[in-house]
Amino acid sequence: MIESWVINDDSPVVVSSETVLGALRSRIDSGQRETWLTSSSGRSLAFVTNTERAMVVLLEEEGDPGEHAVDPGAQGSSDGFVLSNGQDDEYSNEDTVPIHEAFRLVKQIVKTGSWPKDARWVVDR
């Protein structure tokens, strides 16, 4: 069964792999840098960006530490990851990916439910 995904704080309209990037870009343009999507099977997908890099986290259920995309060998850290509660986080660049890669990952997960075969990610469980 293919999952359907909705953006948590938007209307209950399902986003597809063809529409999810437009929705993310629109949210970023309006200052919303944190987006949570929920699937019809109860999984969650988090996307938090500073507009240059993004953290992408896939959770199997509530309370799951999940798994997140990584950029092995990336140096330093980046700040400006503003959460919906106003918290401004800084993350190691190894634990985030360039935004164009984050968009590719989100699109693939929404389309297939899985990371792309060539994606780099770690399990935090």
PDB file of N, CA and C in Angstrom:
ATOM      1  N   MET A   1       0.838  -1.187   0.000  1.00  0.00           N
ATOM      2  CA  MET A   1       0.000   0.000   0.000  1.00  0.00           C
ATOM      3  C   MET A   1       0.881   1.248   0.000  1.00  0.00           C
ATOM      4  N   ILE A   2       0.578   2.178  -0.858  1.00  0.00           N
ATOM      5  CA  ILE A   2       1.293   3.444  -0.908  1.00  0.00           C
ATOM      6  C   ILE A   2       0.662   4.384   0.120  1.00  0.00           C
ATOM      7  N   GLU A   3       1.528   5.034   0.886  1.00  0.00           N
ATOM      8  CA  GLU A   3       1.054   5.981   1.888  1.00  0.00           C
ATOM      9  C   GLU A   3       0.634   7.285   1.220  1.00  0.00           C
ATOM     10  N   SER A   4      -0.264   7.979   1.883  1.00  0.00           N
ATOM     11  CA  SER A   4      -0.554   9.361   1.491  1.00  0.00           C
ATOM     12  C   SER A   4      -0.028  10.241   2.615  1.00  0.00           C
ATOM     13  N   TRP A   5       0.349  11.465   2.275  1.00  0.00           N
ATOM     14  CA  TRP A   5       0.978  12.379   3.231  1.00  0.00           C
ATOM     15  C   TRP A   5       0.232  13.698   3.260  1.00  0.00           C
ATOM     16  N   VAL A   6       0.126  14.287   4.455  1.00  0.00           N
ATOM     17  CA  VAL A   6      -0.444  15.620   4.629  1.00  0.00           C
ATOM     18  C   VAL A   6       0.522  16.448   5.469  1.00  0.00           C
ATOM     19  N   ILE A   7       0.508  17.766   5.230  1.00  0.00           N
ATOM     20  CA  ILE A   7       1.279  18.677   6.065  1.00  0.00           C
ATOM     21  C   ILE A   7       0.449  18.924   7.313  1.00  0.00           C
ATOM     22  N   ASN A   8       1.053  18.710   8.472  1.00  0.00           N
ATOM     23  CA  ASN A   8       0.319  18.742   9.740  1.00  0.00           C
ATOM     24  C   ASN A   8      -0.486  20.001   9.988  1.00  0.00           C
ATOM     25  N   ASP A   9       0.070  21.168   9.749  1.00  0.00           N
ATOM     26  CA  ASP A   9      -0.656  22.388  10.116  1.00  0.00           C
ATOM     27  C   ASP A   9      -1.328  23.059   8.923  1.00  0.00           C
ATOM     28  N   ASP A  10      -1.408  22.393   7.841  1.00  0.00           N
ATOM     29  CA  ASP A  10      -2.132  22.896   6.673  1.00  0.00           C
ATOM     30  C   ASP A  10      -3.507  22.248   6.632  1.00  0.00           C
ATOM     31  N   SER A  11      -4.180  22.460   5.537  1.00  0.00           N
ATOM     32  CA  SER A  11      -5.467  21.789   5.368  1.00  0.00           C
ATOM     33  C   SER A  11      -5.211  20.287   5.237  1.00  0.00           C
ATOM     34  N   PRO A  12      -6.233  19.479   5.401  1.00  0.00           N
ATOM     35  CA  PRO A  12      -6.050  18.038   5.322  1.00  0.00           C
ATOM     36  C   PRO A  12      -5.864  17.526   3.884  1.00  0.00           C
ATOM     37  N   VAL A  13      -5.447  18.407   2.987  1.00  0.00           N
ATOM     38  CA  VAL A  13      -5.243  18.022   1.587  1.00  0.00           C
ATOM     39  C   VAL A  13      -3.971  17.193   1.469  1.00  0.00           C
ATOM     40  N   VAL A  14      -4.068  16.080   0.797  1.00  0.00           N
ATOM     41  CA  VAL A  14      -2.926  15.204   0.582  1.00  0.00           C
ATOM     42  C   VAL A  14      -1.928  15.894  -0.349  1.00  0.00           C
ATOM     43  N   VAL A  15      -0.628  15.810   0.014  1.00  0.00           N
ATOM     44  CA  VAL A  15       0.423  16.298  -0.879  1.00  0.00           C
ATOM     45  C   VAL A  15       1.018  15.088  -1.588  1.00  0.00           C
ATOM     46  N   SER A  16       1.297  15.261  -2.852  1.00  0.00           N
ATOM     47  CA  SER A  16       1.908  14.196  -3.642  1.00  0.00           C
ATOM     48  C   SER A  16       3.380  14.516  -3.849  1.00  0.00           C
ATOM     49  N   SER A  17       4.097  13.598  -4.461  1.00  0.00           N
ATOM     50  CA  SER A  17       5.500  13.866  -4.748  1.00  0.00           C
ATOM     51  C   SER A  17       5.634  15.016  -5.742  1.00  0.00           C
ATOM     52  N   GLU A  18       4.597  15.271  -6.518  1.00  0.00           N
ATOM     53  CA  GLU A  18       4.619  16.372  -7.490  1.00  0.00           C
ATOM     54  C   GLU A  18       4.309  17.723  -6.836  1.00  0.00           C
ATOM     55  N   THR A  19       3.610  17.724  -5.706  1.00  0.00           N
ATOM     56  CA  THR A  19       3.208  18.993  -5.088  1.00  0.00           C
ATOM     57  C   THR A  19       3.938  19.333  -3.802  1.00  0.00           C
ATOM     58  N   VAL A  20       4.623  18.360  -3.202  1.00  0.00           N
ATOM     59  CA  VAL A  20       5.228  18.592  -1.898  1.00  0.00           C
ATOM     60  C   VAL A  20       6.324  19.653  -1.931  1.00  0.00           C
ATOM     61  N   LEU A  21       7.127  19.700  -2.983  1.00  0.00           N
ATOM     62  CA  LEU A  21       8.204  20.695  -3.032  1.00  0.00           C
ATOM     63  C   LEU A  21       7.661  22.105  -3.153  1.00  0.00           C
ATOM     64  N   GLY A  22       6.614  22.286  -3.933  1.00  0.00           N
ATOM     65  CA  GLY A  22       5.974  23.595  -4.022  1.00  0.00           C
ATOM     66  C   GLY A  22       5.421  24.032  -2.677  1.00  0.00           C
ATOM     67  N   ALA A  23       4.846  23.085  -1.951  1.00  0.00           N
ATOM     68  CA  ALA A  23       4.313  23.397  -0.619  1.00  0.00           C
ATOM     69  C   ALA A  23       5.442  23.792   0.332  1.00  0.00           C
ATOM     70  N   LEU A  24       6.548  23.052   0.297  1.00  0.00           N
ATOM     71  CA  LEU A  24       7.685  23.391   1.159  1.00  0.00           C
ATOM     72  C   LEU A  24       8.257  24.758   0.805  1.00  0.00           C
ATOM     73  N   ARG A  25       8.433  25.016  -0.485  1.00  0.00           N
ATOM     74  CA  ARG A  25       8.981  26.318  -0.907  1.00  0.00           C
ATOM     75  C   ARG A  25       8.067  27.468  -0.493  1.00  0.00           C
ATOM     76  N   SER A  26       6.780  27.278  -0.633  1.00  0.00           N
ATOM     77  CA  SER A  26       5.815  28.306  -0.236  1.00  0.00           C
ATOM     78  C   SER A  26       5.902  28.581   1.264  1.00  0.00           C
ATOM     79  N   ARG A  27       6.027  27.526   2.048  1.00  0.00           N
ATOM     80  CA  ARG A  27       6.138  27.683   3.496  1.00  0.00           C
ATOM     81  C   ARG A  27       7.438  28.411   3.856  1.00  0.00           C
ATOM     82  N   ILE A  28       8.531  28.049   3.213  1.00  0.00           N
ATOM     83  CA  ILE A  28       9.817  28.712   3.468  1.00  0.00           C
ATOM     84  C   ILE A  28       9.713  30.190   3.102  1.00  0.00           C
ATOM     85  N   ASP A  29       9.118  30.476   1.939  1.00  0.00           N
ATOM     86  CA  ASP A  29       8.962  31.866   1.488  1.00  0.00           C
ATOM     87  C   ASP A  29       8.143  32.694   2.476  1.00  0.00           C
ATOM     88  N   SER A  30       7.218  32.035   3.189  1.00  0.00           N
ATOM     89  CA  SER A  30       6.393  32.754   4.159  1.00  0.00           C
ATOM     90  C   SER A  30       7.010  32.745   5.567  1.00  0.00           C
ATOM     91  N   GLY A  31       8.249  32.247   5.681  1.00  0.00           N
ATOM     92  CA  GLY A  31       8.946  32.270   6.952  1.00  0.00           C
ATOM     93  C   GLY A  31       8.790  31.023   7.803  1.00  0.00           C
ATOM     94  N   GLN A  32       8.096  30.010   7.300  1.00  0.00           N
ATOM     95  CA  GLN A  32       7.905  28.763   8.049  1.00  0.00           C
ATOM     96  C   GLN A  32       9.026  27.796   7.664  1.00  0.00           C
ATOM     97  N   ARG A  33       9.996  27.643   8.541  1.00  0.00           N
ATOM     98  CA  ARG A  33      11.164  26.816   8.229  1.00  0.00           C
ATOM     99  C   ARG A  33      11.058  25.395   8.772  1.00  0.00           C
ATOM    100  N   GLU A  34      10.025  25.128   9.547  1.00  0.00           N
ATOM    101  CA  GLU A  34       9.800  23.781  10.082  1.00  0.00           C
ATOM    102  C   GLU A  34       8.496  23.247   9.504  1.00  0.00           C
ATOM    103  N   THR A  35       8.564  22.068   8.912  1.00  0.00           N
ATOM    104  CA  THR A  35       7.373  21.429   8.358  1.00  0.00           C
ATOM    105  C   THR A  35       7.349  19.970   8.789  1.00  0.00           C
ATOM    106  N   TRP A  36       6.190  19.548   9.284  1.00  0.00           N
ATOM    107  CA  TRP A  36       5.971  18.149   9.634  1.00  0.00           C
ATOM    108  C   TRP A  36       4.898  17.593   8.713  1.00  0.00           C
ATOM    109  N   LEU A  37       5.182  16.440   8.141  1.00  0.00           N
ATOM    110  CA  LEU A  37       4.201  15.719   7.340  1.00  0.00           C
ATOM    111  C   LEU A  37       3.855  14.433   8.068  1.00  0.00           C
ATOM    112  N   THR A  38       2.608  14.011   7.958  1.00  0.00           N
ATOM    113  CA  THR A  38       2.166  12.765   8.564  1.00  0.00           C
ATOM    114  C   THR A  38       1.596  11.886   7.459  1.00  0.00           C
ATOM    115  N   SER A  39       1.936  10.604   7.528  1.00  0.00           N
ATOM    116  CA  SER A  39       1.454   9.666   6.513  1.00  0.00           C
ATOM    117  C   SER A  39       0.202   8.945   6.992  1.00  0.00           C
ATOM    118  N   SER A  40      -0.476   8.351   6.050  1.00  0.00           N
ATOM    119  CA  SER A  40      -1.696   7.599   6.354  1.00  0.00           C
ATOM    120  C   SER A  40      -1.399   6.367   7.210  1.00  0.00           C
ATOM    121  N   SER A  41      -0.129   5.953   7.283  1.00  0.00           N
ATOM    122  CA  SER A  41       0.229   4.807   8.126  1.00  0.00           C
ATOM    123  C   SER A  41       0.746   5.243   9.497  1.00  0.00           C
ATOM    124  N   GLY A  42       0.714   6.567   9.771  1.00  0.00           N
ATOM    125  CA  GLY A  42       1.120   7.067  11.079  1.00  0.00           C
ATOM    126  C   GLY A  42       2.566   7.486  11.190  1.00  0.00           C
ATOM    127  N   ARG A  43       3.315   7.393  10.105  1.00  0.00           N
ATOM    128  CA  ARG A  43       4.708   7.843  10.144  1.00  0.00           C
ATOM    129  C   ARG A  43       4.765   9.362  10.026  1.00  0.00           C
ATOM    130  N   SER A  44       5.892   9.948  10.457  1.00  0.00           N
ATOM    131  CA  SER A  44       6.085  11.394  10.367  1.00  0.00           C
ATOM    132  C   SER A  44       7.385  11.694   9.641  1.00  0.00           C
ATOM    133  N   LEU A  45       7.385  12.787   8.921  1.00  0.00           N
ATOM    134  CA  LEU A  45       8.552  13.262   8.191  1.00  0.00           C
ATOM    135  C   LEU A  45       8.756  14.722   8.570  1.00  0.00           C
ATOM    136  N   ALA A  46       9.912  15.012   9.156  1.00  0.00           N
ATOM    137  CA  ALA A  46      10.230  16.382   9.569  1.00  0.00           C
ATOM    138  C   ALA A  46      11.219  16.991   8.587  1.00  0.00           C
ATOM    139  N   PHE A  47      11.003  18.265   8.281  1.00  0.00           N
ATOM    140  CA  PHE A  47      11.877  19.044   7.403  1.00  0.00           C
ATOM    141  C   PHE A  47      12.088  20.382   8.099  1.00  0.00           C
ATOM    142  N   VAL A  48      13.337  20.675   8.467  1.00  0.00           N
ATOM    143  CA  VAL A  48      13.669  21.949   9.103  1.00  0.00           C
ATOM    144  C   VAL A  48      14.840  22.532   8.337  1.00  0.00           C
ATOM    145  N   THR A  49      14.724  23.793   7.933  1.00  0.00           N
ATOM    146  CA  THR A  49      15.756  24.389   7.094  1.00  0.00           C
ATOM    147  C   THR A  49      16.190  25.761   7.587  1.00  0.00           C
ATOM    148  N   ASN A  50      17.392  26.131   7.202  1.00  0.00           N
ATOM    149  CA  ASN A  50      17.871  27.502   7.394  1.00  0.00           C
ATOM    150  C   ASN A  50      17.935  28.190   6.031  1.00  0.00           C
ATOM    151  N   THR A  51      17.324  27.612   5.039  1.00  0.00           N
ATOM    152  CA  THR A  51      17.212  27.987   3.626  1.00  0.00           C
ATOM    153  C   THR A  51      18.432  27.582   2.798  1.00  0.00           C
ATOM    154  N   GLU A  52      19.505  27.149   3.426  1.00  0.00           N
ATOM    155  CA  GLU A  52      20.662  26.642   2.689  1.00  0.00           C
ATOM    156  C   GLU A  52      20.865  25.144   2.913  1.00  0.00           C
ATOM    157  N   ARG A  53      20.617  24.708   4.134  1.00  0.00           N
ATOM    158  CA  ARG A  53      20.731  23.303   4.497  1.00  0.00           C
ATOM    159  C   ARG A  53      19.432  22.905   5.185  1.00  0.00           C
ATOM    160  N   ALA A  54      19.200  21.592   5.300  1.00  0.00           N
ATOM    161  CA  ALA A  54      17.983  21.134   5.964  1.00  0.00           C
ATOM    162  C   ALA A  54      18.245  19.846   6.718  1.00  0.00           C
ATOM    163  N   MET A  55      17.510  19.680   7.796  1.00  0.00           N
ATOM    164  CA  MET A  55      17.487  18.421   8.521  1.00  0.00           C
ATOM    165  C   MET A  55      16.220  17.695   8.073  1.00  0.00           C
ATOM    166  N   VAL A  56      16.379  16.441   7.673  1.00  0.00           N
ATOM    167  CA  VAL A  56      15.254  15.611   7.239  1.00  0.00           C
ATOM    168  C   VAL A  56      15.240  14.379   8.142  1.00  0.00           C
ATOM    169  N   VAL A  57      14.127  14.187   8.851  1.00  0.00           N
ATOM    170  CA  VAL A  57      14.003  13.094   9.825  1.00  0.00           C
ATOM    171  C   VAL A  57      12.742  12.294   9.512  1.00  0.00           C
ATOM    172  N   LEU A  58      12.874  10.979   9.474  1.00  0.00           N
ATOM    173  CA  LEU A  58      11.744  10.090   9.243  1.00  0.00           C
ATOM    174  C   LEU A  58      11.498   9.279  10.512  1.00  0.00           C
ATOM    175  N   LEU A  59      10.266   9.356  11.042  1.00  0.00           N
ATOM    176  CA  LEU A  59       9.886   8.665  12.275  1.00  0.00           C
ATOM    177  C   LEU A  59       8.819   7.616  11.973  1.00  0.00           C
ATOM    178  N   GLU A  60       8.967   6.446  12.556  1.00  0.00           N
ATOM    179  CA  GLU A  60       7.996   5.370  12.332  1.00  0.00           C
ATOM    180  C   GLU A  60       6.710   5.571  13.120  1.00  0.00           C
ATOM    181  N   GLU A  61       6.822   6.187  14.306  1.00  0.00           N
ATOM    182  CA  GLU A  61       5.660   6.405  15.170  1.00  0.00           C
ATOM    183  C   GLU A  61       6.027   7.469  16.187  1.00  0.00           C
ATOM    184  N   GLU A  62       5.051   7.953  16.921  1.00  0.00           N
ATOM    185  CA  GLU A  62       5.311   8.942  17.957  1.00  0.00           C
ATOM    186  C   GLU A  62       6.282   8.375  18.983  1.00  0.00           C
ATOM    187  N   GLY A  63       7.284   9.161  19.354  1.00  0.00           N
ATOM    188  CA  GLY A  63       8.281   8.727  20.315  1.00  0.00           C
ATOM    189  C   GLY A  63       9.468   8.001  19.706  1.00  0.00           C
ATOM    190  N   ASP A  64       9.408   7.683  18.434  1.00  0.00           N
ATOM    191  CA  ASP A  64      10.510   7.015  17.739  1.00  0.00           C
ATOM    192  C   ASP A  64      11.658   8.007  17.538  1.00  0.00           C
ATOM    193  N   PRO A  65      12.896   7.638  17.899  1.00  0.00           N
ATOM    194  CA  PRO A  65      14.035   8.521  17.630  1.00  0.00           C
ATOM    195  C   PRO A  65      14.279   8.703  16.131  1.00  0.00           C
ATOM    196  N   GLY A  66      13.830   7.744  15.334  1.00  0.00           N
ATOM    197  CA  GLY A  66      13.847   7.883  13.890  1.00  0.00           C
ATOM    198  C   GLY A  66      15.184   7.676  13.221  1.00  0.00           C
ATOM    199  N   GLU A  67      15.273   8.241  12.045  1.00  0.00           N
ATOM    200  CA  GLU A  67      16.455   8.203  11.212  1.00  0.00           C
ATOM    201  C   GLU A  67      16.534   9.531  10.482  1.00  0.00           C
ATOM    202  N   HIS A  68      17.767   9.995  10.219  1.00  0.00           N
ATOM    203  CA  HIS A  68      17.888  11.301   9.583  1.00  0.00           C
ATOM    204  C   HIS A  68      18.962  11.305   8.504  1.00  0.00           C
ATOM    205  N   ALA A  69      18.774  12.184   7.542  1.00  0.00           N
ATOM    206  CA  ALA A  69      19.716  12.342   6.436  1.00  0.00           C
ATOM    207  C   ALA A  69      21.008  12.947   6.953  1.00  0.00           C
ATOM    208  N   VAL A  70      22.132  12.516   6.387  1.00  0.00           N
ATOM    209  CA  VAL A  70      23.436  13.024   6.788  1.00  0.00           C
ATOM    210  C   VAL A  70      24.267  13.393   5.561  1.00  0.00           C
ATOM    211  N   ASP A  71      25.284  14.201   5.822  1.00  0.00           N
ATOM    212  CA  ASP A  71      26.249  14.639   4.811  1.00  0.00           C
ATOM    213  C   ASP A  71      27.639  14.317   5.355  1.00  0.00           C
ATOM    214  N   PRO A  72      28.047  13.027   5.266  1.00  0.00           N
ATOM    215  CA  PRO A  72      29.317  12.608   5.862  1.00  0.00           C
ATOM    216  C   PRO A  72      30.486  13.458   5.360  1.00  0.00           C
ATOM    217  N   GLY A  73      31.316  13.864   6.293  1.00  0.00           N
ATOM    218  CA  GLY A  73      32.483  14.650   5.940  1.00  0.00           C
ATOM    219  C   GLY A  73      32.259  16.142   5.858  1.00  0.00           C
ATOM    220  N   ALA A  74      31.008  16.579   5.936  1.00  0.00           N
ATOM    221  CA  ALA A  74      30.737  18.019   5.910  1.00  0.00           C
ATOM    222  C   ALA A  74      31.346  18.653   7.154  1.00  0.00           C
ATOM    223  N   GLN A  75      31.949  19.795   6.984  1.00  0.00           N
ATOM    224  CA  GLN A  75      32.641  20.467   8.083  1.00  0.00           C
ATOM    225  C   GLN A  75      31.771  21.534   8.721  1.00  0.00           C
ATOM    226  N   GLY A  76      32.013  21.788   9.992  1.00  0.00           N
ATOM    227  CA  GLY A  76      31.382  22.895  10.690  1.00  0.00           C
ATOM    228  C   GLY A  76      29.943  22.648  11.070  1.00  0.00           C
ATOM    229  N   SER A  77      29.279  23.751  11.357  1.00  0.00           N
ATOM    230  CA  SER A  77      27.875  23.707  11.734  1.00  0.00           C
ATOM    231  C   SER A  77      27.179  24.927  11.153  1.00  0.00           C
ATOM    232  N   SER A  78      25.869  24.884  11.163  1.00  0.00           N
ATOM    233  CA  SER A  78      25.055  25.978  10.636  1.00  0.00           C
ATOM    234  C   SER A  78      23.946  26.285  11.625  1.00  0.00           C
ATOM    235  N   ASP A  79      23.604  27.567  11.724  1.00  0.00           N
ATOM    236  CA  ASP A  79      22.490  27.956  12.583  1.00  0.00           C
ATOM    237  C   ASP A  79      21.365  28.488  11.712  1.00  0.00           C
ATOM    238  N   GLY A  80      20.346  29.028  12.346  1.00  0.00           N
ATOM    239  CA  GLY A  80      19.217  29.578  11.614  1.00  0.00           C
ATOM    240  C   GLY A  80      18.117  28.584  11.325  1.00  0.00           C
ATOM    241  N   PHE A  81      18.154  27.431  11.986  1.00  0.00           N
ATOM    242  CA  PHE A  81      17.085  26.452  11.838  1.00  0.00           C
ATOM    243  C   PHE A  81      16.002  26.834  12.840  1.00  0.00           C
ATOM    244  N   VAL A  82      15.076  27.670  12.391  1.00  0.00           N
ATOM    245  CA  VAL A  82      14.065  28.241  13.285  1.00  0.00           C
ATOM    246  C   VAL A  82      12.843  27.328  13.332  1.00  0.00           C
ATOM    247  N   LEU A  83      12.533  26.858  14.543  1.00  0.00           N
ATOM    248  CA  LEU A  83      11.389  25.981  14.738  1.00  0.00           C
ATOM    249  C   LEU A  83      10.114  26.802  14.884  1.00  0.00           C
ATOM    250  N   SER A  84       8.982  26.154  14.773  1.00  0.00           N
ATOM    251  CA  SER A  84       7.700  26.854  14.837  1.00  0.00           C
ATOM    252  C   SER A  84       7.467  27.523  16.191  1.00  0.00           C
ATOM    253  N   ASN A  85       8.143  27.057  17.247  1.00  0.00           N
ATOM    254  CA  ASN A  85       7.998  27.682  18.566  1.00  0.00           C
ATOM    255  C   ASN A  85       8.955  28.854  18.758  1.00  0.00           C
ATOM    256  N   GLY A  86       9.703  29.210  17.700  1.00  0.00           N
ATOM    257  CA  GLY A  86      10.629  30.338  17.756  1.00  0.00           C
ATOM    258  C   GLY A  86      12.046  29.954  18.122  1.00  0.00           C
ATOM    259  N   GLN A  87      12.261  28.732  18.557  1.00  0.00           N
ATOM    260  CA  GLN A  87      13.600  28.272  18.912  1.00  0.00           C
ATOM    261  C   GLN A  87      14.488  28.286  17.681  1.00  0.00           C
ATOM    262  N   ASP A  88      15.698  28.828  17.803  1.00  0.00           N
ATOM    263  CA  ASP A  88      16.664  28.924  16.702  1.00  0.00           C
ATOM    264  C   ASP A  88      17.784  27.931  16.981  1.00  0.00           C
ATOM    265  N   ASP A  89      17.813  26.833  16.219  1.00  0.00           N
ATOM    266  CA  ASP A  89      18.775  25.762  16.467  1.00  0.00           C
ATOM    267  C   ASP A  89      19.989  25.860  15.562  1.00  0.00           C
ATOM    268  N   GLU A  90      21.068  25.251  16.035  1.00  0.00           N
ATOM    269  CA  GLU A  90      22.297  25.087  15.265  1.00  0.00           C
ATOM    270  C   GLU A  90      22.577  23.597  15.189  1.00  0.00           C
ATOM    271  N   TYR A  91      22.918  23.111  13.983  1.00  0.00           N
ATOM    272  CA  TYR A  91      23.196  21.697  13.791  1.00  0.00           C
ATOM    273  C   TYR A  91      24.547  21.525  13.112  1.00  0.00           C
ATOM    274  N   SER A  92      25.186  20.410  13.400  1.00  0.00           N
ATOM    275  CA  SER A  92      26.392  20.032  12.682  1.00  0.00           C
ATOM    276  C   SER A  92      26.029  19.853  11.204  1.00  0.00           C
ATOM    277  N   ASN A  93      26.894  20.313  10.322  1.00  0.00           N
ATOM    278  CA  ASN A  93      26.619  20.148   8.888  1.00  0.00           C
ATOM    279  C   ASN A  93      26.576  18.678   8.485  1.00  0.00           C
ATOM    280  N   GLU A  94      27.224  17.811   9.253  1.00  0.00           N
ATOM    281  CA  GLU A  94      27.137  16.373   8.962  1.00  0.00           C
ATOM    282  C   GLU A  94      25.728  15.837   9.200  1.00  0.00           C
ATOM    283  N   ASP A  95      24.948  16.493  10.071  1.00  0.00           N
ATOM    284  CA  ASP A  95      23.593  16.040  10.383  1.00  0.00           C
ATOM    285  C   ASP A  95      22.516  16.739   9.567  1.00  0.00           C
ATOM    286  N   THR A  96      22.926  17.539   8.601  1.00  0.00           N
ATOM    287  CA  THR A  96      22.007  18.196   7.680  1.00  0.00           C
ATOM    288  C   THR A  96      22.519  17.964   6.262  1.00  0.00           C
ATOM    289  N   VAL A  97      21.704  18.321   5.293  1.00  0.00           N
ATOM    290  CA  VAL A  97      22.100  18.186   3.888  1.00  0.00           C
ATOM    291  C   VAL A  97      21.787  19.492   3.164  1.00  0.00           C
ATOM    292  N   PRO A  98      22.471  19.747   2.046  1.00  0.00           N
ATOM    293  CA  PRO A  98      22.111  20.925   1.257  1.00  0.00           C
ATOM    294  C   PRO A  98      20.621  20.889   0.903  1.00  0.00           C
ATOM    295  N   ILE A  99      20.011  22.046   0.825  1.00  0.00           N
ATOM    296  CA  ILE A  99      18.549  22.093   0.655  1.00  0.00           C
ATOM    297  C   ILE A  99      18.082  21.376  -0.603  1.00  0.00           C
ATOM    298  N   HIS A 100      18.842  21.458  -1.700  1.00  0.00           N
ATOM    299  CA  HIS A 100      18.405  20.755  -2.917  1.00  0.00           C
ATOM    300  C   HIS A 100      18.367  19.243  -2.698  1.00  0.00           C
ATOM    301  N   GLU A 101      19.295  18.720  -1.896  1.00  0.00           N
ATOM    302  CA  GLU A 101      19.290  17.294  -1.561  1.00  0.00           C
ATOM    303  C   GLU A 101      18.113  16.975  -0.647  1.00  0.00           C
ATOM    304  N   ALA A 102      17.830  17.848   0.304  1.00  0.00           N
ATOM    305  CA  ALA A 102      16.684  17.644   1.206  1.00  0.00           C
ATOM    306  C   ALA A 102      15.384  17.578   0.409  1.00  0.00           C
ATOM    307  N   PHE A 103      15.237  18.464  -0.568  1.00  0.00           N
ATOM    308  CA  PHE A 103      14.040  18.438  -1.410  1.00  0.00           C
ATOM    309  C   PHE A 103      13.927  17.097  -2.137  1.00  0.00           C
ATOM    310  N   ARG A 104      15.039  16.601  -2.658  1.00  0.00           N
ATOM    311  CA  ARG A 104      15.042  15.312  -3.371  1.00  0.00           C
ATOM    312  C   ARG A 104      14.638  14.182  -2.426  1.00  0.00           C
ATOM    313  N   LEU A 105      15.154  14.211  -1.213  1.00  0.00           N
ATOM    314  CA  LEU A 105      14.837  13.163  -0.245  1.00  0.00           C
ATOM    315  C   LEU A 105      13.357  13.177   0.130  1.00  0.00           C
ATOM    316  N   VAL A 106      12.828  14.356   0.423  1.00  0.00           N
ATOM    317  CA  VAL A 106      11.416  14.475   0.800  1.00  0.00           C
ATOM    318  C   VAL A 106      10.520  14.004  -0.350  1.00  0.00           C
ATOM    319  N   LYS A 107      10.837  14.425  -1.547  1.00  0.00           N
ATOM    320  CA  LYS A 107      10.032  14.028  -2.711  1.00  0.00           C
ATOM    321  C   LYS A 107      10.009  12.505  -2.858  1.00  0.00           C
ATOM    322  N   GLN A 108      11.154  11.859  -2.693  1.00  0.00           N
ATOM    323  CA  GLN A 108      11.236  10.399  -2.821  1.00  0.00           C
ATOM    324  C   GLN A 108      10.481   9.696  -1.703  1.00  0.00           C
ATOM    325  N   ILE A 109      10.615  10.187  -0.476  1.00  0.00           N
ATOM    326  CA  ILE A 109       9.912   9.557   0.641  1.00  0.00           C
ATOM    327  C   ILE A 109       8.403   9.686   0.467  1.00  0.00           C
ATOM    328  N   VAL A 110       7.937  10.856   0.044  1.00  0.00           N
ATOM    329  CA  VAL A 110       6.497  11.037  -0.186  1.00  0.00           C
ATOM    330  C   VAL A 110       6.025  10.133  -1.328  1.00  0.00           C
ATOM    331  N   LYS A 111       6.859   9.949  -2.327  1.00  0.00           N
ATOM    332  CA  LYS A 111       6.478   9.124  -3.481  1.00  0.00           C
ATOM    333  C   LYS A 111       6.486   7.632  -3.160  1.00  0.00           C
ATOM    334  N   THR A 112       7.540   7.159  -2.456  1.00  0.00           N
ATOM    335  CA  THR A 112       7.719   5.716  -2.285  1.00  0.00           C
ATOM    336  C   THR A 112       7.678   5.232  -0.840  1.00  0.00           C
ATOM    337  N   GLY A 113       7.784   6.160   0.115  1.00  0.00           N
ATOM    338  CA  GLY A 113       7.834   5.771   1.517  1.00  0.00           C
ATOM    339  C   GLY A 113       9.219   5.415   2.004  1.00  0.00           C
ATOM    340  N   SER A 114      10.214   5.494   1.118  1.00  0.00           N
ATOM    341  CA  SER A 114      11.579   5.098   1.469  1.00  0.00           C
ATOM    342  C   SER A 114      12.596   6.144   1.032  1.00  0.00           C
ATOM    343  N   TRP A 115      13.760   6.107   1.686  1.00  0.00           N
ATOM    344  CA  TRP A 115      14.873   6.944   1.268  1.00  0.00           C
ATOM    345  C   TRP A 115      15.313   6.521  -0.132  1.00  0.00           C
ATOM    346  N   PRO A 116      15.828   7.440  -0.934  1.00  0.00           N
ATOM    347  CA  PRO A 116      16.414   7.025  -2.215  1.00  0.00           C
ATOM    348  C   PRO A 116      17.565   6.047  -1.957  1.00  0.00           C
ATOM    349  N   LYS A 117      17.797   5.136  -2.877  1.00  0.00           N
ATOM    350  CA  LYS A 117      18.836   4.119  -2.697  1.00  0.00           C
ATOM    351  C   LYS A 117      20.215   4.730  -2.479  1.00  0.00           C
ATOM    352  N   ASP A 118      20.473   5.894  -3.064  1.00  0.00           N
ATOM    353  CA  ASP A 118      21.783   6.528  -2.941  1.00  0.00           C
ATOM    354  C   ASP A 118      21.853   7.552  -1.801  1.00  0.00           C
ATOM    355  N   ALA A 119      20.805   7.665  -1.019  1.00  0.00           N
ATOM    356  CA  ALA A 119      20.783   8.625   0.085  1.00  0.00           C
ATOM    357  C   ALA A 119      21.696   8.171   1.210  1.00  0.00           C
ATOM    358  N   ARG A 120      22.217   9.137   1.942  1.00  0.00           N
ATOM    359  CA  ARG A 120      23.005   8.865   3.133  1.00  0.00           C
ATOM    360  C   ARG A 120      22.150   9.231   4.330  1.00  0.00           C
ATOM    361  N   TRP A 121      21.922   8.282   5.224  1.00  0.00           N
ATOM    362  CA  TRP A 121      21.128   8.527   6.416  1.00  0.00           C
ATOM    363  C   TRP A 121      21.588   7.584   7.524  1.00  0.00           C
ATOM    364  N   VAL A 122      21.286   7.977   8.751  1.00  0.00           N
ATOM    365  CA  VAL A 122      21.641   7.161   9.907  1.00  0.00           C
ATOM    366  C   VAL A 122      20.389   6.865  10.724  1.00  0.00           C
ATOM    367  N   VAL A 123      20.396   5.717  11.348  1.00  0.00           N
ATOM    368  CA  VAL A 123      19.302   5.317  12.224  1.00  0.00           C
ATOM    369  C   VAL A 123      19.643   5.771  13.629  1.00  0.00           C
ATOM    370  N   ASP A 124      18.738   6.507  14.258  1.00  0.00           N
ATOM    371  CA  ASP A 124      18.957   7.036  15.604  1.00  0.00           C
ATOM    372  C   ASP A 124      18.316   6.172  16.686  1.00  0.00           C
ATOM    373  N   ARG A 125      17.736   5.062  16.312  1.00  0.00           N
ATOM    374  CA  ARG A 125      17.059   4.180  17.264  1.00  0.00           C
ATOM    375  C   ARG A 125      18.071   3.445  18.123  1.00  0.00           C
TER     376      ARG A 125
END
